[in-house]
Each structure stands twice: as structure tokens, then as C-alpha cells.
Amino acid sequence: MHRTLYASEHEQFRSAFRSFLDREAVPFVEEWEAAETPDRDFITRAAVAGFIGFEFAVAYGGLGVEDFRYNAVMSEEVVSSGMAGDTFGMQNDIAAPYLQTLTTDAQKARWLPKVTAGDLVMAIAMTEPGAGSDLRSIVTTARRDGDHLVIDGSKTFITSGSTCDLAVVLVRTGEHDGPGDDARRSRGGHAGI
């Protein structure tokens, strides 16, 4: 099948990424499946090789890549390799955009270089025991206490939770009387990250 989606630079990236997977992941697939997570050192090696956080600005150790086709190439090669897990999708496609768009400059300076160096693994904590993946129905709250946020609630199915250093946690920061309460929108309640 001839595809026109990818240019030569994407195919060069594909080749480099597949070589990385064949060397650093494929030999360990059974071991990681038994452990139910990839080895933490693998994530570090992937970041050092430029495969995690590459969409971040060069100032933070990324490559400033804004072309999602690179992410698609990675997904195709992960599936093709037989590697279990969603390490690259979680780090690059899901968590990275939150850090890139919803953080302050100080937070970016603190966290992004650690992501691109492989020293910080990200996770997403959104689903809840009573709400599942219906994010409008979450009940976990956060309130300010001086310089801190106090979180009250439960999360489940935390992607990358067993290896993370930093989690993006979905909470309610406004008024909330219960799942599906349309009145909260008129009172200004909202979900926050």
C-alpha cells in the first residue's frame, strides 16, 4: 500500500525509532509483561534518545516538533514491534500537552527538562471508582490551603501510575452538588487540572 501521509523525514524517524525499539524494547517484552510495566530505565533511555518530550521547546530539551505525524509513526512502530504498553502515547500524546499548555513558565522550567532527560515520568489520574471515564461525573475536589492544594477523592486506572514522578490529576475546583448537576455550571463551578 502506498501512503502519502508521511514524508521522507518521517520515514527516517521511523527507521531510527524502530531500531531503538528492536534494541531496547523487543528483547524485554515478556519480562515487562510479567512485571506489568516497562522498565523505568527504558523510559530514561527513550527520553535521552529524543523519543519523549520531543514536542517541547528546545529551551526545555525538546526538539520543538509540532508535527503529530511523528507521534503516529511511533504508535505504528510500537504496535508493529509487539511491545506492550502505551509508554510513548502516554508521555507524548496525553501528558505532554497538559504540561505544555496548562503550566506556568516556572513549572515548565522545573518539569519539562526533567521529562526530556528521562528523569521525570508523567501520569494521568482522571478516572474514578464511581465515575469511570465519564469525566463530567468526577467528584474529586481540590481546595487551596496556603501555598498548597488539598485533594479529596479517589482515582483509579492511573496510566503510568506505577512509574510516575508527576501526575496530572483531574479535580473539581468549584461548587459541585453531584454528578450531572446542571446548576453548578450556572454558579460558576468547573473542573480544573
N, C-alpha and C. Protein backbone atom coordinates (compact mmCIF):
# COMPACT_ATOMS: atom_id res chain seq x y z
N MET A 1 0.84 -1.17 0.00
CA MET A 1 0.00 0.00 0.00
C MET A 1 0.89 1.24 0.00
N HIS A 2 0.61 2.14 -0.90
CA HIS A 2 1.36 3.40 -0.99
C HIS A 2 0.61 4.47 -0.18
N ARG A 3 1.32 5.07 0.79
CA ARG A 3 0.71 6.12 1.60
C ARG A 3 1.39 7.44 1.27
N THR A 4 0.60 8.50 1.33
CA THR A 4 1.14 9.83 1.06
C THR A 4 1.18 10.70 2.32
N LEU A 5 0.80 10.13 3.45
CA LEU A 5 0.74 10.89 4.70
C LEU A 5 2.12 11.30 5.18
N TYR A 6 3.11 10.44 4.99
CA TYR A 6 4.43 10.67 5.55
C TYR A 6 5.43 11.13 4.49
N ALA A 7 6.32 12.03 4.90
CA ALA A 7 7.42 12.49 4.03
C ALA A 7 8.68 11.70 4.38
N SER A 8 9.73 11.96 3.67
CA SER A 8 10.97 11.20 3.88
C SER A 8 11.51 11.37 5.31
N GLU A 9 11.35 12.56 5.89
CA GLU A 9 11.84 12.75 7.26
C GLU A 9 11.08 11.90 8.28
N HIS A 10 9.79 11.63 7.99
CA HIS A 10 9.03 10.76 8.87
C HIS A 10 9.53 9.32 8.76
N GLU A 11 9.85 8.93 7.55
CA GLU A 11 10.34 7.56 7.34
C GLU A 11 11.74 7.38 7.93
N GLN A 12 12.56 8.42 7.90
CA GLN A 12 13.87 8.34 8.56
C GLN A 12 13.68 8.23 10.07
N PHE A 13 12.74 8.99 10.60
CA PHE A 13 12.42 8.91 12.02
C PHE A 13 11.90 7.51 12.36
N ARG A 14 11.04 6.96 11.50
CA ARG A 14 10.50 5.61 11.71
C ARG A 14 11.64 4.60 11.82
N SER A 15 12.58 4.69 10.92
CA SER A 15 13.70 3.75 10.92
C SER A 15 14.52 3.86 12.21
N ALA A 16 14.79 5.08 12.64
CA ALA A 16 15.57 5.29 13.87
C ALA A 16 14.79 4.80 15.09
N PHE A 17 13.51 5.09 15.12
CA PHE A 17 12.69 4.67 16.26
C PHE A 17 12.56 3.15 16.30
N ARG A 18 12.34 2.53 15.14
CA ARG A 18 12.21 1.07 15.11
C ARG A 18 13.51 0.40 15.53
N SER A 19 14.64 0.96 15.13
CA SER A 19 15.94 0.41 15.56
C SER A 19 16.06 0.51 17.08
N PHE A 20 15.62 1.62 17.63
CA PHE A 20 15.64 1.80 19.08
C PHE A 20 14.78 0.73 19.75
N LEU A 21 13.55 0.54 19.26
CA LEU A 21 12.66 -0.46 19.84
C LEU A 21 13.24 -1.87 19.74
N ASP A 22 13.77 -2.19 18.56
CA ASP A 22 14.35 -3.53 18.37
C ASP A 22 15.50 -3.80 19.33
N ARG A 23 16.24 -2.78 19.64
CA ARG A 23 17.40 -2.91 20.53
C ARG A 23 17.01 -2.81 22.01
N GLU A 24 16.14 -1.86 22.34
CA GLU A 24 15.89 -1.52 23.74
C GLU A 24 14.57 -2.04 24.32
N ALA A 25 13.65 -2.50 23.47
CA ALA A 25 12.35 -2.93 23.98
C ALA A 25 12.02 -4.37 23.63
N VAL A 26 12.10 -4.73 22.36
CA VAL A 26 11.65 -6.04 21.92
C VAL A 26 12.26 -7.19 22.72
N PRO A 27 13.55 -7.18 23.04
CA PRO A 27 14.12 -8.29 23.81
C PRO A 27 13.54 -8.43 25.23
N PHE A 28 12.85 -7.40 25.71
CA PHE A 28 12.38 -7.39 27.10
C PHE A 28 10.86 -7.45 27.22
N VAL A 29 10.16 -7.65 26.11
CA VAL A 29 8.69 -7.60 26.11
C VAL A 29 8.10 -8.59 27.12
N GLU A 30 8.56 -9.82 27.11
CA GLU A 30 8.00 -10.82 28.03
C GLU A 30 8.26 -10.44 29.49
N GLU A 31 9.44 -9.96 29.77
CA GLU A 31 9.80 -9.53 31.12
C GLU A 31 8.90 -8.37 31.58
N TRP A 32 8.67 -7.41 30.70
CA TRP A 32 7.83 -6.26 31.05
C TRP A 32 6.38 -6.67 31.21
N GLU A 33 5.92 -7.58 30.39
CA GLU A 33 4.54 -8.05 30.53
C GLU A 33 4.35 -8.75 31.86
N ALA A 34 5.33 -9.53 32.29
CA ALA A 34 5.24 -10.20 33.59
C ALA A 34 5.23 -9.17 34.72
N ALA A 35 6.00 -8.11 34.57
CA ALA A 35 6.06 -7.05 35.59
C ALA A 35 4.90 -6.07 35.45
N GLU A 36 4.18 -6.13 34.35
CA GLU A 36 3.05 -5.26 34.02
C GLU A 36 3.45 -3.80 33.82
N THR A 37 4.71 -3.57 33.51
CA THR A 37 5.18 -2.22 33.20
C THR A 37 6.56 -2.30 32.55
N PRO A 38 6.85 -1.39 31.65
CA PRO A 38 8.22 -1.35 31.12
C PRO A 38 9.21 -0.96 32.22
N ASP A 39 10.42 -1.36 32.05
CA ASP A 39 11.48 -0.98 32.98
C ASP A 39 11.66 0.53 32.97
N ARG A 40 11.83 1.11 34.14
CA ARG A 40 12.00 2.57 34.26
C ARG A 40 13.21 3.05 33.45
N ASP A 41 14.29 2.27 33.44
CA ASP A 41 15.49 2.65 32.68
C ASP A 41 15.20 2.75 31.18
N PHE A 42 14.24 1.97 30.70
CA PHE A 42 13.86 2.06 29.29
C PHE A 42 13.29 3.44 28.99
N ILE A 43 12.45 3.95 29.88
CA ILE A 43 11.85 5.27 29.68
C ILE A 43 12.95 6.33 29.65
N THR A 44 13.92 6.20 30.53
CA THR A 44 15.04 7.14 30.54
C THR A 44 15.83 7.06 29.23
N ARG A 45 16.12 5.85 28.78
CA ARG A 45 16.86 5.70 27.51
C ARG A 45 16.07 6.27 26.33
N ALA A 46 14.76 6.09 26.35
CA ALA A 46 13.91 6.63 25.28
C ALA A 46 13.95 8.15 25.28
N ALA A 47 13.91 8.75 26.46
CA ALA A 47 13.97 10.21 26.56
C ALA A 47 15.33 10.72 26.09
N VAL A 48 16.39 10.10 26.54
CA VAL A 48 17.74 10.52 26.16
C VAL A 48 17.92 10.41 24.65
N ALA A 49 17.28 9.41 24.04
CA ALA A 49 17.37 9.22 22.59
C ALA A 49 16.50 10.22 21.82
N GLY A 50 15.70 11.02 22.54
CA GLY A 50 14.87 12.05 21.90
C GLY A 50 13.47 11.61 21.56
N PHE A 51 13.01 10.49 22.11
CA PHE A 51 11.69 9.98 21.76
C PHE A 51 10.61 10.33 22.77
N ILE A 52 10.94 11.05 23.82
CA ILE A 52 9.95 11.50 24.80
C ILE A 52 10.14 13.00 25.01
N GLY A 53 9.04 13.73 24.90
CA GLY A 53 9.07 15.17 25.09
C GLY A 53 9.64 15.93 23.90
N PHE A 54 9.69 15.30 22.75
CA PHE A 54 10.28 15.98 21.58
C PHE A 54 9.45 17.17 21.12
N GLU A 55 8.21 17.25 21.54
CA GLU A 55 7.38 18.40 21.16
C GLU A 55 7.65 19.63 22.01
N PHE A 56 8.36 19.47 23.12
CA PHE A 56 8.71 20.62 23.96
C PHE A 56 9.73 21.50 23.25
N ALA A 57 9.76 22.75 23.64
CA ALA A 57 10.70 23.72 23.04
C ALA A 57 12.15 23.29 23.30
N VAL A 58 13.02 23.71 22.43
CA VAL A 58 14.45 23.40 22.55
C VAL A 58 14.99 23.90 23.89
N ALA A 59 14.50 25.02 24.36
CA ALA A 59 14.95 25.57 25.65
C ALA A 59 14.73 24.60 26.81
N TYR A 60 13.78 23.67 26.64
CA TYR A 60 13.48 22.69 27.69
C TYR A 60 14.04 21.31 27.37
N GLY A 61 14.86 21.22 26.35
CA GLY A 61 15.46 19.95 25.99
C GLY A 61 14.73 19.18 24.92
N GLY A 62 13.62 19.73 24.43
CA GLY A 62 12.88 19.07 23.36
C GLY A 62 13.41 19.46 22.00
N LEU A 63 12.66 19.10 20.98
CA LEU A 63 13.06 19.43 19.61
C LEU A 63 12.13 20.46 18.97
N GLY A 64 11.08 20.86 19.68
CA GLY A 64 10.13 21.83 19.15
C GLY A 64 9.30 21.28 18.00
N VAL A 65 9.10 19.96 17.96
CA VAL A 65 8.35 19.31 16.88
C VAL A 65 6.86 19.55 17.08
N GLU A 66 6.21 20.08 16.06
CA GLU A 66 4.77 20.34 16.13
C GLU A 66 4.00 19.48 15.13
N ASP A 67 4.60 18.47 14.61
CA ASP A 67 4.02 17.62 13.58
C ASP A 67 3.60 16.29 14.21
N PHE A 68 2.29 16.11 14.39
CA PHE A 68 1.79 14.92 15.08
C PHE A 68 2.02 13.64 14.28
N ARG A 69 2.43 13.76 13.04
CA ARG A 69 2.72 12.54 12.27
C ARG A 69 3.86 11.75 12.89
N TYR A 70 4.78 12.42 13.59
CA TYR A 70 5.84 11.69 14.29
C TYR A 70 5.26 10.82 15.39
N ASN A 71 4.26 11.33 16.07
CA ASN A 71 3.59 10.55 17.10
C ASN A 71 2.90 9.34 16.49
N ALA A 72 2.27 9.55 15.32
CA ALA A 72 1.60 8.45 14.64
C ALA A 72 2.60 7.38 14.22
N VAL A 73 3.75 7.79 13.73
CA VAL A 73 4.80 6.84 13.36
C VAL A 73 5.18 6.01 14.58
N MET A 74 5.34 6.65 15.72
CA MET A 74 5.70 5.93 16.93
C MET A 74 4.64 4.91 17.31
N SER A 75 3.39 5.31 17.24
CA SER A 75 2.30 4.38 17.57
C SER A 75 2.31 3.18 16.63
N GLU A 76 2.50 3.41 15.36
CA GLU A 76 2.55 2.31 14.39
C GLU A 76 3.70 1.36 14.70
N GLU A 77 4.84 1.89 15.03
CA GLU A 77 6.01 1.05 15.28
C GLU A 77 5.92 0.31 16.62
N VAL A 78 5.33 0.92 17.62
CA VAL A 78 5.12 0.23 18.90
C VAL A 78 4.23 -0.98 18.67
N VAL A 79 3.14 -0.80 17.95
CA VAL A 79 2.23 -1.91 17.67
C VAL A 79 2.93 -2.97 16.83
N SER A 80 3.61 -2.55 15.80
CA SER A 80 4.31 -3.47 14.91
C SER A 80 5.39 -4.27 15.63
N SER A 81 6.03 -3.67 16.62
CA SER A 81 7.12 -4.35 17.34
C SER A 81 6.63 -5.41 18.30
N GLY A 82 5.36 -5.33 18.69
CA GLY A 82 4.83 -6.26 19.68
C GLY A 82 5.07 -5.82 21.10
N MET A 83 5.62 -4.62 21.26
CA MET A 83 5.88 -4.09 22.59
C MET A 83 4.57 -3.78 23.30
N ALA A 84 4.46 -4.22 24.53
CA ALA A 84 3.25 -3.96 25.31
C ALA A 84 3.31 -2.56 25.89
N GLY A 85 2.16 -2.02 26.18
CA GLY A 85 2.10 -0.75 26.89
C GLY A 85 1.93 0.44 26.00
N ASP A 86 1.74 1.56 26.65
CA ASP A 86 1.49 2.80 25.94
C ASP A 86 2.42 3.90 26.42
N THR A 87 3.65 3.54 26.70
CA THR A 87 4.62 4.49 27.23
C THR A 87 4.71 5.76 26.40
N PHE A 88 4.88 5.62 25.11
CA PHE A 88 5.09 6.79 24.25
C PHE A 88 3.80 7.58 24.06
N GLY A 89 2.69 6.88 23.89
CA GLY A 89 1.42 7.57 23.76
C GLY A 89 1.08 8.33 25.03
N MET A 90 1.32 7.71 26.17
CA MET A 90 1.03 8.36 27.45
C MET A 90 1.90 9.60 27.65
N GLN A 91 3.18 9.46 27.44
CA GLN A 91 4.10 10.56 27.70
C GLN A 91 3.96 11.68 26.67
N ASN A 92 3.92 11.34 25.39
CA ASN A 92 3.94 12.36 24.32
C ASN A 92 2.57 12.86 23.90
N ASP A 93 1.60 11.95 23.82
CA ASP A 93 0.31 12.32 23.25
C ASP A 93 -0.69 12.80 24.30
N ILE A 94 -0.58 12.27 25.50
CA ILE A 94 -1.58 12.57 26.52
C ILE A 94 -1.05 13.54 27.57
N ALA A 95 0.04 13.21 28.22
CA ALA A 95 0.53 14.04 29.33
C ALA A 95 1.24 15.31 28.86
N ALA A 96 2.07 15.19 27.84
CA ALA A 96 2.87 16.35 27.41
C ALA A 96 2.02 17.58 27.05
N PRO A 97 0.91 17.43 26.34
CA PRO A 97 0.13 18.63 26.04
C PRO A 97 -0.37 19.38 27.28
N TYR A 98 -0.69 18.66 28.34
CA TYR A 98 -1.11 19.34 29.57
C TYR A 98 0.02 20.19 30.12
N LEU A 99 1.22 19.61 30.16
CA LEU A 99 2.36 20.37 30.69
C LEU A 99 2.75 21.52 29.78
N GLN A 100 2.55 21.32 28.50
CA GLN A 100 2.95 22.34 27.54
C GLN A 100 1.99 23.52 27.52
N THR A 101 0.70 23.26 27.77
CA THR A 101 -0.29 24.33 27.61
C THR A 101 -0.89 24.86 28.91
N LEU A 102 -0.83 24.08 29.99
CA LEU A 102 -1.52 24.49 31.21
C LEU A 102 -0.60 24.81 32.38
N THR A 103 0.69 24.91 32.12
CA THR A 103 1.63 25.19 33.21
C THR A 103 2.20 26.60 33.09
N THR A 104 2.67 27.10 34.21
CA THR A 104 3.32 28.41 34.23
C THR A 104 4.74 28.26 33.67
N ASP A 105 5.37 29.38 33.39
CA ASP A 105 6.76 29.33 32.93
C ASP A 105 7.66 28.68 33.98
N ALA A 106 7.40 28.95 35.25
CA ALA A 106 8.21 28.35 36.31
C ALA A 106 8.02 26.84 36.37
N GLN A 107 6.79 26.38 36.18
CA GLN A 107 6.53 24.94 36.16
C GLN A 107 7.19 24.29 34.95
N LYS A 108 7.10 24.94 33.80
CA LYS A 108 7.77 24.41 32.61
C LYS A 108 9.27 24.26 32.86
N ALA A 109 9.88 25.30 33.41
CA ALA A 109 11.33 25.27 33.67
C ALA A 109 11.68 24.18 34.68
N ARG A 110 10.79 23.91 35.59
CA ARG A 110 11.03 22.89 36.63
C ARG A 110 10.85 21.47 36.10
N TRP A 111 9.82 21.25 35.26
CA TRP A 111 9.45 19.89 34.89
C TRP A 111 9.89 19.45 33.49
N LEU A 112 9.76 20.31 32.49
CA LEU A 112 9.99 19.85 31.12
C LEU A 112 11.41 19.34 30.87
N PRO A 113 12.45 20.02 31.36
CA PRO A 113 13.79 19.47 31.14
C PRO A 113 13.98 18.09 31.79
N LYS A 114 13.28 17.84 32.88
CA LYS A 114 13.36 16.52 33.52
C LYS A 114 12.66 15.46 32.69
N VAL A 115 11.57 15.84 32.02
CA VAL A 115 10.88 14.90 31.12
C VAL A 115 11.79 14.54 29.96
N THR A 116 12.36 15.53 29.32
CA THR A 116 13.18 15.27 28.13
C THR A 116 14.50 14.58 28.47
N ALA A 117 14.93 14.67 29.73
CA ALA A 117 16.14 13.97 30.17
C ALA A 117 15.83 12.55 30.66
N GLY A 118 14.55 12.25 30.79
CA GLY A 118 14.16 10.93 31.28
C GLY A 118 14.19 10.81 32.79
N ASP A 119 14.29 11.92 33.48
CA ASP A 119 14.33 11.92 34.94
C ASP A 119 12.94 12.06 35.56
N LEU A 120 11.92 12.32 34.75
CA LEU A 120 10.58 12.53 35.26
C LEU A 120 9.60 11.83 34.33
N VAL A 121 8.85 10.89 34.88
CA VAL A 121 7.82 10.16 34.13
C VAL A 121 6.47 10.72 34.55
N MET A 122 5.63 10.98 33.57
CA MET A 122 4.33 11.59 33.82
C MET A 122 3.22 10.54 33.86
N ALA A 123 2.13 10.87 34.54
CA ALA A 123 0.95 10.02 34.61
C ALA A 123 -0.30 10.89 34.50
N ILE A 124 -1.40 10.23 34.22
CA ILE A 124 -2.70 10.90 34.16
C ILE A 124 -3.63 10.21 35.15
N ALA A 125 -4.23 10.99 36.05
CA ALA A 125 -5.18 10.45 37.03
C ALA A 125 -6.51 11.16 36.82
N MET A 126 -7.38 10.54 36.05
CA MET A 126 -8.67 11.16 35.75
C MET A 126 -9.84 10.28 36.15
N THR A 127 -9.81 9.00 35.82
CA THR A 127 -10.97 8.14 36.10
C THR A 127 -11.13 7.93 37.60
N GLU A 128 -12.39 7.68 38.00
CA GLU A 128 -12.71 7.48 39.41
C GLU A 128 -13.56 6.23 39.58
N PRO A 129 -13.52 5.64 40.77
CA PRO A 129 -14.30 4.42 41.00
C PRO A 129 -15.79 4.58 40.69
N GLY A 130 -16.39 5.71 41.03
CA GLY A 130 -17.82 5.90 40.81
C GLY A 130 -18.17 6.54 39.48
N ALA A 131 -17.19 7.06 38.77
CA ALA A 131 -17.47 7.78 37.53
C ALA A 131 -16.87 7.11 36.30
N GLY A 132 -15.91 6.23 36.52
CA GLY A 132 -15.24 5.62 35.38
C GLY A 132 -14.58 6.69 34.53
N SER A 133 -14.79 6.60 33.23
CA SER A 133 -14.19 7.58 32.32
C SER A 133 -15.14 8.71 31.97
N ASP A 134 -16.29 8.79 32.66
CA ASP A 134 -17.21 9.91 32.47
C ASP A 134 -16.68 11.09 33.28
N LEU A 135 -15.82 11.87 32.68
CA LEU A 135 -15.11 12.93 33.41
C LEU A 135 -16.03 14.02 33.94
N ARG A 136 -17.18 14.19 33.33
CA ARG A 136 -18.13 15.19 33.87
C ARG A 136 -18.69 14.76 35.21
N SER A 137 -18.57 13.48 35.53
CA SER A 137 -19.14 12.96 36.77
C SER A 137 -18.12 12.80 37.89
N ILE A 138 -16.92 13.29 37.70
CA ILE A 138 -15.93 13.13 38.76
C ILE A 138 -16.35 13.93 39.99
N VAL A 139 -15.94 13.46 41.17
CA VAL A 139 -16.27 14.15 42.41
C VAL A 139 -15.04 14.53 43.21
N THR A 140 -13.85 14.14 42.79
CA THR A 140 -12.63 14.52 43.49
C THR A 140 -12.49 16.04 43.45
N THR A 141 -12.19 16.62 44.61
CA THR A 141 -12.09 18.08 44.71
C THR A 141 -10.69 18.50 45.13
N ALA A 142 -10.41 19.76 44.89
CA ALA A 142 -9.17 20.37 45.37
C ALA A 142 -9.51 21.75 45.92
N ARG A 143 -8.89 22.08 47.05
CA ARG A 143 -9.08 23.40 47.63
C ARG A 143 -7.72 23.94 48.06
N ARG A 144 -7.58 25.24 48.01
CA ARG A 144 -6.34 25.90 48.41
C ARG A 144 -6.21 25.90 49.93
N ASP A 145 -4.99 25.63 50.37
CA ASP A 145 -4.64 25.76 51.78
C ASP A 145 -3.26 26.40 51.80
N GLY A 146 -3.24 27.73 51.82
CA GLY A 146 -1.98 28.46 51.72
C GLY A 146 -1.37 28.27 50.35
N ASP A 147 -0.14 27.78 50.30
CA ASP A 147 0.54 27.54 49.02
C ASP A 147 0.28 26.15 48.46
N HIS A 148 -0.60 25.38 49.09
CA HIS A 148 -0.84 24.00 48.69
C HIS A 148 -2.27 23.81 48.22
N LEU A 149 -2.47 22.72 47.48
CA LEU A 149 -3.81 22.26 47.14
C LEU A 149 -4.07 20.99 47.94
N VAL A 150 -5.21 20.92 48.57
CA VAL A 150 -5.61 19.73 49.29
C VAL A 150 -6.62 19.00 48.42
N ILE A 151 -6.29 17.77 48.05
CA ILE A 151 -7.14 16.97 47.17
C ILE A 151 -7.90 15.96 48.00
N ASP A 152 -9.20 15.85 47.75
CA ASP A 152 -10.06 14.93 48.47
C ASP A 152 -10.82 14.10 47.44
N GLY A 153 -10.56 12.81 47.40
CA GLY A 153 -11.24 11.93 46.47
C GLY A 153 -10.38 10.73 46.12
N SER A 154 -10.84 9.96 45.14
CA SER A 154 -10.15 8.73 44.73
C SER A 154 -10.02 8.69 43.23
N LYS A 155 -8.93 8.12 42.77
CA LYS A 155 -8.70 7.90 41.35
C LYS A 155 -8.38 6.43 41.14
N THR A 156 -8.65 5.94 39.96
CA THR A 156 -8.37 4.55 39.61
C THR A 156 -7.87 4.50 38.18
N PHE A 157 -7.26 3.39 37.80
CA PHE A 157 -6.72 3.22 36.44
C PHE A 157 -5.81 4.38 36.07
N ILE A 158 -4.82 4.66 36.90
CA ILE A 158 -3.90 5.76 36.67
C ILE A 158 -2.83 5.30 35.69
N THR A 159 -2.94 5.76 34.47
CA THR A 159 -1.99 5.37 33.43
C THR A 159 -0.60 5.84 33.81
N SER A 160 0.36 4.93 33.82
CA SER A 160 1.76 5.16 34.21
C SER A 160 1.90 5.45 35.70
N GLY A 161 0.88 5.15 36.49
CA GLY A 161 0.91 5.43 37.91
C GLY A 161 2.00 4.71 38.67
N SER A 162 2.37 3.52 38.23
CA SER A 162 3.36 2.75 38.98
C SER A 162 4.79 3.23 38.75
N THR A 163 4.99 4.06 37.72
CA THR A 163 6.35 4.53 37.43
C THR A 163 6.47 6.05 37.44
N CYS A 164 5.39 6.75 37.75
CA CYS A 164 5.41 8.21 37.58
C CYS A 164 6.10 8.96 38.71
N ASP A 165 6.53 10.15 38.34
CA ASP A 165 7.07 11.12 39.29
C ASP A 165 6.15 12.33 39.41
N LEU A 166 5.33 12.54 38.39
CA LEU A 166 4.44 13.69 38.33
C LEU A 166 3.14 13.24 37.68
N ALA A 167 2.01 13.53 38.33
CA ALA A 167 0.72 13.14 37.78
C ALA A 167 -0.14 14.36 37.53
N VAL A 168 -0.80 14.36 36.40
CA VAL A 168 -1.83 15.34 36.09
C VAL A 168 -3.11 14.75 36.68
N VAL A 169 -3.71 15.44 37.65
CA VAL A 169 -4.88 14.93 38.37
C VAL A 169 -6.07 15.83 38.06
N LEU A 170 -7.13 15.23 37.57
CA LEU A 170 -8.35 15.98 37.28
C LEU A 170 -9.18 16.09 38.55
N VAL A 171 -9.50 17.32 38.92
CA VAL A 171 -10.25 17.59 40.15
C VAL A 171 -11.30 18.67 39.87
N ARG A 172 -12.24 18.78 40.77
CA ARG A 172 -13.20 19.88 40.74
C ARG A 172 -12.68 20.97 41.67
N THR A 173 -12.69 22.19 41.17
CA THR A 173 -12.23 23.31 41.99
C THR A 173 -13.34 24.28 42.31
N GLY A 174 -14.52 24.07 41.75
CA GLY A 174 -15.67 24.94 42.01
C GLY A 174 -16.74 24.17 42.75
N GLU A 175 -17.90 24.78 42.91
CA GLU A 175 -19.01 24.13 43.59
C GLU A 175 -19.45 22.91 42.81
N HIS A 176 -19.90 21.90 43.54
CA HIS A 176 -20.36 20.67 42.88
C HIS A 176 -21.30 19.94 43.82
N ASP A 177 -22.58 19.81 43.42
CA ASP A 177 -23.55 19.13 44.26
C ASP A 177 -23.67 17.66 43.94
N GLY A 178 -23.19 17.24 42.80
CA GLY A 178 -23.27 15.83 42.42
C GLY A 178 -23.13 15.67 40.92
N PRO A 179 -22.88 14.44 40.48
CA PRO A 179 -22.72 14.20 39.04
C PRO A 179 -23.94 14.67 38.25
N GLY A 180 -23.67 15.35 37.17
CA GLY A 180 -24.73 15.78 36.28
C GLY A 180 -25.51 16.99 36.75
N ASP A 181 -25.08 17.67 37.79
CA ASP A 181 -25.80 18.82 38.32
C ASP A 181 -25.62 20.02 37.40
N ASP A 182 -26.64 20.31 36.59
CA ASP A 182 -26.56 21.41 35.64
C ASP A 182 -26.47 22.76 36.35
N ALA A 183 -26.94 22.82 37.58
CA ALA A 183 -26.93 24.10 38.31
C ALA A 183 -25.50 24.57 38.57
N ARG A 184 -24.56 23.63 38.71
CA ARG A 184 -23.19 24.05 39.03
C ARG A 184 -22.61 24.92 37.92
N ARG A 185 -23.00 24.66 36.68
CA ARG A 185 -22.47 25.47 35.58
C ARG A 185 -22.96 26.91 35.70
N SER A 186 -24.21 27.09 36.15
CA SER A 186 -24.72 28.45 36.28
C SER A 186 -24.11 29.17 37.48
N ARG A 187 -23.58 28.40 38.45
CA ARG A 187 -22.95 29.01 39.63
C ARG A 187 -21.44 29.19 39.42
N GLY A 188 -20.92 28.78 38.28
CA GLY A 188 -19.51 29.00 38.02
C GLY A 188 -18.60 27.87 38.43
N GLY A 189 -19.14 26.73 38.84
CA GLY A 189 -18.30 25.58 39.17
C GLY A 189 -17.62 25.05 37.91
N HIS A 190 -16.44 24.49 38.07
CA HIS A 190 -15.72 23.98 36.90
C HIS A 190 -14.72 22.90 37.31
N ALA A 191 -14.27 22.17 36.34
CA ALA A 191 -13.23 21.18 36.60
C ALA A 191 -11.89 21.84 36.35
N GLY A 192 -10.91 21.48 37.14
CA GLY A 192 -9.58 22.06 36.98
C GLY A 192 -8.51 20.99 36.98
N ILE A 193 -7.39 21.32 36.42
CA ILE A 193 -6.26 20.39 36.40
C ILE A 193 -5.11 21.04 37.10
